[in-house]
Amino acid sequence: MEKECPGVVSCADIVALAAHDSVSYPFNRSMWDVLTGRRDGRISLESEASVHLPSPFANFTGLSQLFASKGLDLNDLVALSVHIQLGWHIVVHL
């Protein structure tokens, strides 16, 4: 993909599109819009992650406040938390 579209399509785009298509396919319609493109930058910095990601020791109040500061609500918090928990469950039991 990088050869055909240099600097345009990221691995994250491919994963996001694959997830979208696999969930949407059984319903024969798009379940959500997928934004693609390298809008978030081309590098990752530990200093930014420690500011923007919750601590593994964060309680519910802290998590809900952090999500709210990013424009996310309780539904987003629950959905992401369940998704992460299920992912760990699958990894541990493989």
Protein backbone atom coordinates (compact mmCIF):
# COMPACT_ATOMS: atom_id res chain seq x y z
CA MET A 1 0.00 0.00 0.00
CA GLU A 2 2.82 2.40 0.88
CA LYS A 3 4.31 1.89 -2.59
CA GLU A 4 1.05 2.90 -4.30
CA CYS A 5 0.06 5.68 -1.89
CA PRO A 6 3.24 6.89 -0.18
CA GLY A 7 2.59 8.83 2.99
CA VAL A 8 -1.20 8.55 2.62
CA VAL A 9 -2.45 5.20 3.92
CA SER A 10 -1.23 3.99 7.30
CA CYS A 11 -1.44 0.60 8.97
CA ALA A 12 -3.94 2.19 11.36
CA ASP A 13 -6.13 3.10 8.36
CA ILE A 14 -6.05 -0.47 7.13
CA VAL A 15 -6.97 -1.84 10.56
CA ALA A 16 -9.77 0.72 10.98
CA LEU A 17 -11.20 -0.04 7.53
CA ALA A 18 -10.97 -3.79 8.07
CA ALA A 19 -12.76 -3.50 11.43
CA HIS A 20 -15.43 -1.29 9.87
CA ASP A 21 -16.00 -3.66 6.97
CA SER A 22 -16.10 -6.79 9.13
CA VAL A 23 -18.68 -5.27 11.47
CA SER A 24 -20.76 -3.57 8.75
CA TYR A 25 -20.85 -6.47 6.28
CA PRO A 26 -23.48 -8.61 8.06
CA PHE A 27 -25.80 -5.59 8.24
CA ASN A 28 -25.30 -4.75 4.56
CA ARG A 29 -24.69 -1.11 5.45
CA SER A 30 -22.03 1.10 6.95
CA MET A 31 -22.28 1.17 10.74
CA TRP A 32 -20.08 4.29 11.15
CA ASP A 33 -17.90 6.65 9.17
CA VAL A 34 -14.20 5.85 9.05
CA LEU A 35 -11.78 8.76 8.91
CA THR A 36 -8.56 7.89 7.17
CA GLY A 37 -5.30 9.68 6.60
CA ARG A 38 -2.39 10.52 8.80
CA ARG A 39 -4.06 13.32 10.72
CA ASP A 40 -2.53 12.45 14.06
CA GLY A 41 1.10 12.68 13.04
CA ARG A 42 3.81 10.36 11.89
CA ILE A 43 5.63 9.81 15.16
CA SER A 44 4.66 8.69 18.65
CA LEU A 45 6.10 10.35 21.70
CA GLU A 46 6.07 8.77 25.15
CA SER A 47 5.71 12.24 26.68
CA GLU A 48 2.44 12.79 24.79
CA ALA A 49 1.10 9.34 25.62
CA SER A 50 1.64 9.85 29.34
CA VAL A 51 -0.38 13.08 29.19
CA HIS A 52 -3.24 11.88 26.98
CA LEU A 53 -3.69 8.26 28.06
CA PRO A 54 -5.21 7.24 31.38
CA SER A 55 -3.12 5.72 34.10
CA PRO A 56 -3.62 1.98 34.53
CA PHE A 57 -4.60 2.87 38.11
CA ALA A 58 -7.25 5.46 37.13
CA ASN A 59 -10.62 5.04 38.81
CA PHE A 60 -14.02 5.50 37.17
CA THR A 61 -14.23 9.19 38.05
CA GLY A 62 -10.80 9.88 36.58
CA LEU A 63 -11.55 7.90 33.44
CA SER A 64 -14.91 9.59 32.87
CA GLN A 65 -13.32 13.04 33.34
CA LEU A 66 -10.52 12.21 30.90
CA PHE A 67 -12.99 10.90 28.31
CA ALA A 68 -15.19 13.98 28.74
CA SER A 69 -12.17 16.24 28.18
CA LYS A 70 -11.71 14.49 24.81
CA GLY A 71 -15.38 14.93 23.84
CA LEU A 72 -16.27 11.33 24.66
CA ASP A 73 -19.12 10.14 26.87
CA LEU A 74 -19.94 7.23 29.17
CA ASN A 75 -20.97 5.06 26.21
CA ASP A 76 -17.53 5.54 24.66
CA LEU A 77 -15.84 4.69 27.96
CA VAL A 78 -17.84 1.49 28.39
CA ALA A 79 -17.41 0.41 24.77
CA LEU A 80 -13.66 0.92 24.80
CA SER A 81 -13.23 -0.68 28.22
CA VAL A 82 -15.20 -3.78 27.22
CA HIS A 83 -13.32 -4.02 23.94
CA ILE A 84 -9.96 -3.86 25.70
CA GLN A 85 -11.06 -6.38 28.34
CA LEU A 86 -12.27 -8.82 25.68
CA GLY A 87 -9.00 -8.38 23.79
CA TRP A 88 -6.99 -9.27 26.89
CA HIS A 89 -9.25 -12.25 27.54
CA ILE A 90 -8.63 -13.57 24.04
CA VAL A 91 -4.85 -13.03 24.25
CA VAL A 92 -4.57 -14.72 27.65
CA HIS A 93 -6.54 -17.77 26.51
CA LEU A 94 -4.79 -18.36 23.17
